[in-house]
Amino acid sequence: MSFNQIFKNKIINLTKYKIINCHAGKIPFYRGRNILNWALINNEEEFGITIHYVDKGVDTGDIILQETYPITIQDNYATLIERAYIECANILYKAVCLFKNGGIVGKRQAEIDPTGFYCSQRKLGDEMLSWSHSSKDIFNFVRAICFPGPMARAFINGEEIKINKVELVNGAISYKCITGAILNINKEKVLVKTGDSVIKITEYETEVKLKVGDRFEIK
């Protein structure tokens, strides 16, 4: 289940029907690590869970079962991981049941796409938010790494702000101004200029008192 090591052939061939893995990604796309995060960052409308044979590659074995699940505008990392916990167990059980009548011939990934792609593991520092990106990209980035993830990070005058939730502003116009500037603050939101319009920060953690006119550092 989402095993994070690569087996050599000596191990793979020990069992009669080889080894299967449950991967919370729609392969041959979304091979690799931190798939739910990347699916949100890429503004996907669905994510997949795949049962596949293990081979020497990274999530490159033949597909046994694959199911997809919708991603809505209300979803974030927390909601997707909660759903994946349940659905990974369900699809893995279905796959194991298929083996009651013998080995299953999987579908070669190259039949779906000759190359696919691989998602790199997210590491320390990848949580830094770039205000020069579009509001939609910032929205997807923040919801992709919200709690229980590391949360997006930004800085004002060297002081860190953890950002857990932002909201798009309906009808926001595109205009040029100082990217990262705080435009408005009240008890419910902090309005910030993005690369193309504005966005509302609605959940954040900081010891800094934010003020209108402050500028987030541009990374």
C-alpha atoms as a PDB file:
ATOM      1  CA  MET A   1       0.000   0.000   0.000  1.00  0.00           C
ATOM      2  CA  SER A   2       1.811   3.118  -1.289  1.00  0.00           C
ATOM      3  CA  PHE A   3       5.150   1.432  -0.578  1.00  0.00           C
ATOM      4  CA  ASN A   4       8.028   3.887  -0.956  1.00  0.00           C
ATOM      5  CA  GLN A   5      10.903   1.530  -1.803  1.00  0.00           C
ATOM      6  CA  ILE A   6      11.926  -0.036  -5.113  1.00  0.00           C
ATOM      7  CA  PHE A   7      12.122  -3.850  -5.173  1.00  0.00           C
ATOM      8  CA  LYS A   8      14.721  -5.712  -7.214  1.00  0.00           C
ATOM      9  CA  ASN A   9      13.684  -8.589  -9.484  1.00  0.00           C
ATOM     10  CA  LYS A  10      14.865 -11.162  -6.946  1.00  0.00           C
ATOM     11  CA  ILE A  11      12.152  -9.978  -4.546  1.00  0.00           C
ATOM     12  CA  ILE A  12       9.510  -9.303  -7.214  1.00  0.00           C
ATOM     13  CA  ASN A  13       9.724 -12.858  -8.561  1.00  0.00           C
ATOM     14  CA  LEU A  14       9.565 -14.638  -5.198  1.00  0.00           C
ATOM     15  CA  THR A  15       5.792 -15.011  -5.252  1.00  0.00           C
ATOM     16  CA  LYS A  16       3.588 -16.945  -7.680  1.00  0.00           C
ATOM     17  CA  TYR A  17       1.636 -13.900  -8.863  1.00  0.00           C
ATOM     18  CA  LYS A  18       4.371 -11.338  -8.150  1.00  0.00           C
ATOM     19  CA  ILE A  19       3.641  -8.244  -6.037  1.00  0.00           C
ATOM     20  CA  ILE A  20       0.900  -5.637  -6.376  1.00  0.00           C
ATOM     21  CA  ASN A  21       0.867  -2.063  -5.111  1.00  0.00           C
ATOM     22  CA  CYS A  22      -1.930   0.405  -4.357  1.00  0.00           C
ATOM     23  CA  HIS A  23      -0.958   3.861  -5.610  1.00  0.00           C
ATOM     24  CA  ALA A  24      -3.064   6.973  -4.978  1.00  0.00           C
ATOM     25  CA  GLY A  25      -2.483   8.321  -8.461  1.00  0.00           C
ATOM     26  CA  LYS A  26      -3.857   7.953 -11.985  1.00  0.00           C
ATOM     27  CA  ILE A  27      -0.961   6.203 -13.693  1.00  0.00           C
ATOM     28  CA  PRO A  28       0.754   6.366 -16.167  1.00  0.00           C
ATOM     29  CA  PHE A  29       0.254  10.001 -15.188  1.00  0.00           C
ATOM     30  CA  TYR A  30       0.937  10.915 -11.584  1.00  0.00           C
ATOM     31  CA  ARG A  31       3.545   8.308 -10.885  1.00  0.00           C
ATOM     32  CA  GLY A  32       5.860   9.107  -7.982  1.00  0.00           C
ATOM     33  CA  ARG A  33       5.326  10.968  -4.716  1.00  0.00           C
ATOM     34  CA  ASN A  34       2.910  13.412  -3.074  1.00  0.00           C
ATOM     35  CA  ILE A  35       0.333  12.757  -5.778  1.00  0.00           C
ATOM     36  CA  LEU A  36      -2.682  14.328  -4.083  1.00  0.00           C
ATOM     37  CA  ASN A  37      -0.739  17.554  -3.581  1.00  0.00           C
ATOM     38  CA  TRP A  38       0.319  17.668  -7.229  1.00  0.00           C
ATOM     39  CA  ALA A  39      -3.182  16.886  -8.515  1.00  0.00           C
ATOM     40  CA  LEU A  40      -4.536  19.951  -6.686  1.00  0.00           C
ATOM     41  CA  ILE A  41      -1.623  22.163  -7.734  1.00  0.00           C
ATOM     42  CA  ASN A  42      -2.287  21.160 -11.352  1.00  0.00           C
ATOM     43  CA  ASN A  43      -5.979  22.079 -11.056  1.00  0.00           C
ATOM     44  CA  GLU A  44      -7.123  18.558 -11.867  1.00  0.00           C
ATOM     45  CA  GLU A  45     -10.835  17.789 -11.841  1.00  0.00           C
ATOM     46  CA  GLU A  46     -10.233  14.221 -10.630  1.00  0.00           C
ATOM     47  CA  PHE A  47      -7.634  12.037  -8.973  1.00  0.00           C
ATOM     48  CA  GLY A  48      -7.077   8.336  -9.460  1.00  0.00           C
ATOM     49  CA  ILE A  49      -6.205   5.284  -7.403  1.00  0.00           C
ATOM     50  CA  THR A  50      -4.465   2.438  -9.184  1.00  0.00           C
ATOM     51  CA  ILE A  51      -3.643  -1.163  -8.337  1.00  0.00           C
ATOM     52  CA  HIS A  52      -0.687  -2.284 -10.420  1.00  0.00           C
ATOM     53  CA  TYR A  53       1.971  -4.949 -10.598  1.00  0.00           C
ATOM     54  CA  VAL A  54       5.306  -3.975  -9.092  1.00  0.00           C
ATOM     55  CA  ASP A  55       8.290  -3.928 -11.462  1.00  0.00           C
ATOM     56  CA  LYS A  56      11.776  -2.406 -11.296  1.00  0.00           C
ATOM     57  CA  GLY A  57      10.479   1.059 -12.188  1.00  0.00           C
ATOM     58  CA  VAL A  58       8.627   3.636 -10.116  1.00  0.00           C
ATOM     59  CA  ASP A  59       4.893   2.952 -10.510  1.00  0.00           C
ATOM     60  CA  THR A  60       5.464   1.642 -14.049  1.00  0.00           C
ATOM     61  CA  GLY A  61       4.012  -1.886 -13.708  1.00  0.00           C
ATOM     62  CA  ASP A  62       0.973  -3.172 -15.593  1.00  0.00           C
ATOM     63  CA  ILE A  63      -2.379  -1.856 -14.317  1.00  0.00           C
ATOM     64  CA  ILE A  64      -4.791  -4.284 -12.643  1.00  0.00           C
ATOM     65  CA  LEU A  65      -7.524  -1.868 -11.523  1.00  0.00           C
ATOM     66  CA  GLN A  66      -7.951   1.896 -11.646  1.00  0.00           C
ATOM     67  CA  GLU A  67     -10.743   4.158 -10.436  1.00  0.00           C
ATOM     68  CA  THR A  68     -11.129   7.946 -10.482  1.00  0.00           C
ATOM     69  CA  TYR A  69     -12.791  10.339  -8.040  1.00  0.00           C
ATOM     70  CA  PRO A  70     -13.929  13.950  -8.639  1.00  0.00           C
ATOM     71  CA  ILE A  71     -12.143  16.987  -7.233  1.00  0.00           C
ATOM     72  CA  THR A  72     -14.432  19.947  -6.540  1.00  0.00           C
ATOM     73  CA  ILE A  73     -13.623  23.579  -5.821  1.00  0.00           C
ATOM     74  CA  GLN A  74     -14.351  22.858  -2.139  1.00  0.00           C
ATOM     75  CA  ASP A  75     -11.742  20.094  -1.917  1.00  0.00           C
ATOM     76  CA  ASN A  76      -8.288  20.449  -0.437  1.00  0.00           C
ATOM     77  CA  TYR A  77      -5.476  18.171   0.704  1.00  0.00           C
ATOM     78  CA  ALA A  78      -7.322  17.233   3.891  1.00  0.00           C
ATOM     79  CA  THR A  79     -10.506  16.158   2.100  1.00  0.00           C
ATOM     80  CA  LEU A  80      -8.655  14.235  -0.614  1.00  0.00           C
ATOM     81  CA  ILE A  81      -6.445  12.316   1.792  1.00  0.00           C
ATOM     82  CA  GLU A  82      -9.480  11.392   3.904  1.00  0.00           C
ATOM     83  CA  ARG A  83     -11.224  10.061   0.804  1.00  0.00           C
ATOM     84  CA  ALA A  84      -8.091   8.266  -0.391  1.00  0.00           C
ATOM     85  CA  TYR A  85      -7.689   6.419   2.923  1.00  0.00           C
ATOM     86  CA  ILE A  86     -11.114   4.851   2.403  1.00  0.00           C
ATOM     87  CA  GLU A  87     -10.994   4.284  -1.345  1.00  0.00           C
ATOM     88  CA  CYS A  88      -7.455   2.827  -1.336  1.00  0.00           C
ATOM     89  CA  ALA A  89      -8.678   0.088   0.998  1.00  0.00           C
ATOM     90  CA  ASN A  90     -11.786  -0.512  -1.130  1.00  0.00           C
ATOM     91  CA  ILE A  91      -9.972  -0.862  -4.455  1.00  0.00           C
ATOM     92  CA  LEU A  92      -7.182  -2.960  -2.944  1.00  0.00           C
ATOM     93  CA  TYR A  93      -9.804  -5.372  -1.606  1.00  0.00           C
ATOM     94  CA  LYS A  94     -11.426  -5.558  -5.068  1.00  0.00           C
ATOM     95  CA  ALA A  95      -8.061  -6.334  -6.641  1.00  0.00           C
ATOM     96  CA  VAL A  96      -7.237  -9.084  -4.146  1.00  0.00           C
ATOM     97  CA  CYS A  97     -10.634 -10.672  -4.849  1.00  0.00           C
ATOM     98  CA  LEU A  98      -9.778 -10.844  -8.562  1.00  0.00           C
ATOM     99  CA  PHE A  99      -6.928 -13.224  -7.753  1.00  0.00           C
ATOM    100  CA  LYS A 100      -9.281 -15.882  -6.378  1.00  0.00           C
ATOM    101  CA  ASN A 101      -9.483 -17.386  -9.863  1.00  0.00           C
ATOM    102  CA  GLY A 102      -5.780 -17.082 -10.662  1.00  0.00           C
ATOM    103  CA  GLY A 103      -3.353 -14.485 -11.923  1.00  0.00           C
ATOM    104  CA  ILE A 104      -4.628 -11.310 -13.576  1.00  0.00           C
ATOM    105  CA  VAL A 105      -3.187 -10.001 -16.830  1.00  0.00           C
ATOM    106  CA  GLY A 106      -2.573  -6.312 -16.342  1.00  0.00           C
ATOM    107  CA  LYS A 107      -2.799  -3.525 -18.910  1.00  0.00           C
ATOM    108  CA  ARG A 108       0.496  -2.101 -20.109  1.00  0.00           C
ATOM    109  CA  GLN A 109       0.785   1.578 -19.270  1.00  0.00           C
ATOM    110  CA  ALA A 110       2.259   2.327 -22.701  1.00  0.00           C
ATOM    111  CA  GLU A 111      -1.142   1.438 -24.191  1.00  0.00           C
ATOM    112  CA  ILE A 112      -2.568   4.471 -22.382  1.00  0.00           C
ATOM    113  CA  ASP A 113       0.325   6.863 -22.958  1.00  0.00           C
ATOM    114  CA  PRO A 114       3.869   6.098 -24.174  1.00  0.00           C
ATOM    115  CA  THR A 115       5.563   8.386 -21.654  1.00  0.00           C
ATOM    116  CA  GLY A 116       3.225   9.518 -18.846  1.00  0.00           C
ATOM    117  CA  PHE A 117       4.940  11.585 -16.204  1.00  0.00           C
ATOM    118  CA  TYR A 118       6.523  11.376 -12.760  1.00  0.00           C
ATOM    119  CA  CYS A 119       5.835  13.626  -9.769  1.00  0.00           C
ATOM    120  CA  SER A 120       8.806  14.531  -7.613  1.00  0.00           C
ATOM    121  CA  GLN A 121       8.693  14.261  -3.847  1.00  0.00           C
ATOM    122  CA  ARG A 122       7.940  17.591  -2.189  1.00  0.00           C
ATOM    123  CA  LYS A 123      10.675  18.734   0.189  1.00  0.00           C
ATOM    124  CA  LEU A 124      11.391  21.463   2.726  1.00  0.00           C
ATOM    125  CA  GLY A 125      11.187  24.815   0.988  1.00  0.00           C
ATOM    126  CA  ASP A 126       8.599  23.752  -1.588  1.00  0.00           C
ATOM    127  CA  GLU A 127       5.893  25.286   0.586  1.00  0.00           C
ATOM    128  CA  MET A 128       7.031  28.834  -0.251  1.00  0.00           C
ATOM    129  CA  LEU A 129       4.239  30.794  -1.921  1.00  0.00           C
ATOM    130  CA  SER A 130       4.887  32.942  -5.002  1.00  0.00           C
ATOM    131  CA  TRP A 131       2.629  35.999  -5.163  1.00  0.00           C
ATOM    132  CA  SER A 132       3.608  36.628  -8.797  1.00  0.00           C
ATOM    133  CA  HIS A 133       1.516  33.606  -9.789  1.00  0.00           C
ATOM    134  CA  SER A 134      -2.127  33.943 -10.805  1.00  0.00           C
ATOM    135  CA  SER A 135      -4.849  33.938  -8.151  1.00  0.00           C
ATOM    136  CA  LYS A 136      -6.093  30.554  -9.377  1.00  0.00           C
ATOM    137  CA  ASP A 137      -2.597  29.044  -9.142  1.00  0.00           C
ATOM    138  CA  ILE A 138      -2.163  30.462  -5.626  1.00  0.00           C
ATOM    139  CA  PHE A 139      -5.574  29.100  -4.607  1.00  0.00           C
ATOM    140  CA  ASN A 140      -4.635  25.628  -5.848  1.00  0.00           C
ATOM    141  CA  PHE A 141      -1.199  25.785  -4.241  1.00  0.00           C
ATOM    142  CA  VAL A 142      -2.525  26.745  -0.812  1.00  0.00           C
ATOM    143  CA  ARG A 143      -5.274  24.125  -0.747  1.00  0.00           C
ATOM    144  CA  ALA A 144      -2.805  21.489  -1.967  1.00  0.00           C
ATOM    145  CA  ILE A 145      -0.590  21.780   1.117  1.00  0.00           C
ATOM    146  CA  CYS A 146      -3.043  22.942   3.785  1.00  0.00           C
ATOM    147  CA  PHE A 147      -3.143  21.190   7.175  1.00  0.00           C
ATOM    148  CA  PRO A 148      -2.349  18.305   7.745  1.00  0.00           C
ATOM    149  CA  GLY A 149       0.272  19.323   5.172  1.00  0.00           C
ATOM    150  CA  PRO A 150       2.977  21.904   5.963  1.00  0.00           C
ATOM    151  CA  MET A 151       0.785  24.883   4.924  1.00  0.00           C
ATOM    152  CA  ALA A 152       1.933  27.552   2.475  1.00  0.00           C
ATOM    153  CA  ARG A 153       4.529  30.006   3.774  1.00  0.00           C
ATOM    154  CA  ALA A 154       5.141  33.679   3.036  1.00  0.00           C
ATOM    155  CA  PHE A 155       7.266  36.410   4.645  1.00  0.00           C
ATOM    156  CA  ILE A 156       6.872  40.073   5.508  1.00  0.00           C
ATOM    157  CA  ASN A 157      10.045  41.856   6.649  1.00  0.00           C
ATOM    158  CA  GLY A 158      11.634  38.485   7.355  1.00  0.00           C
ATOM    159  CA  GLU A 159       8.735  37.301   9.541  1.00  0.00           C
ATOM    160  CA  GLU A 160       6.968  34.073   8.551  1.00  0.00           C
ATOM    161  CA  ILE A 161       3.227  33.754   7.919  1.00  0.00           C
ATOM    162  CA  LYS A 162       1.651  30.284   7.588  1.00  0.00           C
ATOM    163  CA  ILE A 163      -1.305  30.366   5.204  1.00  0.00           C
ATOM    164  CA  ASN A 164      -3.846  27.554   5.493  1.00  0.00           C
ATOM    165  CA  LYS A 165      -6.720  28.824   3.340  1.00  0.00           C
ATOM    166  CA  VAL A 166      -7.345  31.410   0.653  1.00  0.00           C
ATOM    167  CA  GLU A 167     -10.440  32.183  -1.393  1.00  0.00           C
ATOM    168  CA  LEU A 168     -10.849  33.477  -4.917  1.00  0.00           C
ATOM    169  CA  VAL A 169     -12.542  36.855  -5.250  1.00  0.00           C
ATOM    170  CA  ASN A 170     -15.582  36.665  -7.509  1.00  0.00           C
ATOM    171  CA  GLY A 171     -15.433  39.206 -10.306  1.00  0.00           C
ATOM    172  CA  ALA A 172     -11.877  40.307  -9.461  1.00  0.00           C
ATOM    173  CA  ILE A 173     -10.448  42.318 -12.335  1.00  0.00           C
ATOM    174  CA  SER A 174      -6.971  41.964 -13.765  1.00  0.00           C
ATOM    175  CA  TYR A 175      -4.771  45.010 -13.217  1.00  0.00           C
ATOM    176  CA  LYS A 176      -1.159  45.965 -12.568  1.00  0.00           C
ATOM    177  CA  CYS A 177      -0.025  46.981  -9.084  1.00  0.00           C
ATOM    178  CA  ILE A 178       2.600  45.915  -6.518  1.00  0.00           C
ATOM    179  CA  THR A 179       2.475  42.121  -6.388  1.00  0.00           C
ATOM    180  CA  GLY A 180       2.249  40.822  -2.824  1.00  0.00           C
ATOM    181  CA  ALA A 181       0.901  44.092  -1.411  1.00  0.00           C
ATOM    182  CA  ILE A 182      -1.768  43.911   1.297  1.00  0.00           C
ATOM    183  CA  LEU A 183      -4.745  45.901   0.025  1.00  0.00           C
ATOM    184  CA  ASN A 184      -7.310  45.441   2.784  1.00  0.00           C
ATOM    185  CA  ILE A 185      -7.627  43.807   6.209  1.00  0.00           C
ATOM    186  CA  ASN A 186     -10.568  43.024   8.466  1.00  0.00           C
ATOM    187  CA  LYS A 187     -11.448  40.311  10.992  1.00  0.00           C
ATOM    188  CA  GLU A 188     -12.420  37.857   8.250  1.00  0.00           C
ATOM    189  CA  LYS A 189      -9.798  38.306   5.541  1.00  0.00           C
ATOM    190  CA  VAL A 190      -6.571  39.764   4.251  1.00  0.00           C
ATOM    191  CA  LEU A 191      -6.774  40.938   0.649  1.00  0.00           C
ATOM    192  CA  VAL A 192      -3.502  40.588  -1.311  1.00  0.00           C
ATOM    193  CA  LYS A 193      -2.471  41.557  -4.852  1.00  0.00           C
ATOM    194  CA  THR A 194      -1.463  38.565  -6.970  1.00  0.00           C
ATOM    195  CA  GLY A 195       0.146  38.294 -10.376  1.00  0.00           C
ATOM    196  CA  ASP A 196      -3.156  38.829 -12.167  1.00  0.00           C
ATOM    197  CA  SER A 197      -5.755  40.098  -9.673  1.00  0.00           C
ATOM    198  CA  VAL A 198      -6.378  39.733  -5.908  1.00  0.00           C
ATOM    199  CA  ILE A 199      -6.996  36.913  -3.449  1.00  0.00           C
ATOM    200  CA  LYS A 200      -8.422  36.623   0.078  1.00  0.00           C
ATOM    201  CA  ILE A 201      -6.427  34.997   2.876  1.00  0.00           C
ATOM    202  CA  THR A 202      -9.007  33.613   5.318  1.00  0.00           C
ATOM    203  CA  GLU A 203      -6.948  31.289   7.560  1.00  0.00           C
ATOM    204  CA  TYR A 204      -3.384  32.035   8.614  1.00  0.00           C
ATOM    205  CA  GLU A 205      -0.978  31.876  11.542  1.00  0.00           C
ATOM    206  CA  THR A 206       1.531  34.574  12.460  1.00  0.00           C
ATOM    207  CA  GLU A 207       2.818  36.622  15.365  1.00  0.00           C
ATOM    208  CA  VAL A 208       3.153  39.633  13.083  1.00  0.00           C
ATOM    209  CA  LYS A 209       0.485  42.333  13.008  1.00  0.00           C
ATOM    210  CA  LEU A 210      -0.364  42.704   9.335  1.00  0.00           C
ATOM    211  CA  LYS A 211      -1.116  46.197   8.006  1.00  0.00           C
ATOM    212  CA  VAL A 212      -2.529  47.608   4.799  1.00  0.00           C
ATOM    213  CA  GLY A 213       0.413  48.568   2.602  1.00  0.00           C
ATOM    214  CA  ASP A 214       2.695  45.797   3.882  1.00  0.00           C
ATOM    215  CA  ARG A 215       4.306  43.797   1.130  1.00  0.00           C
ATOM    216  CA  PHE A 216       4.896  40.085   1.139  1.00  0.00           C
ATOM    217  CA  GLU A 217       8.367  39.189  -0.041  1.00  0.00           C
ATOM    218  CA  ILE A 218       8.401  37.972  -3.641  1.00  0.00           C
ATOM    219  CA  LYS A 219      10.007  34.549  -4.009  1.00  0.00           C
END
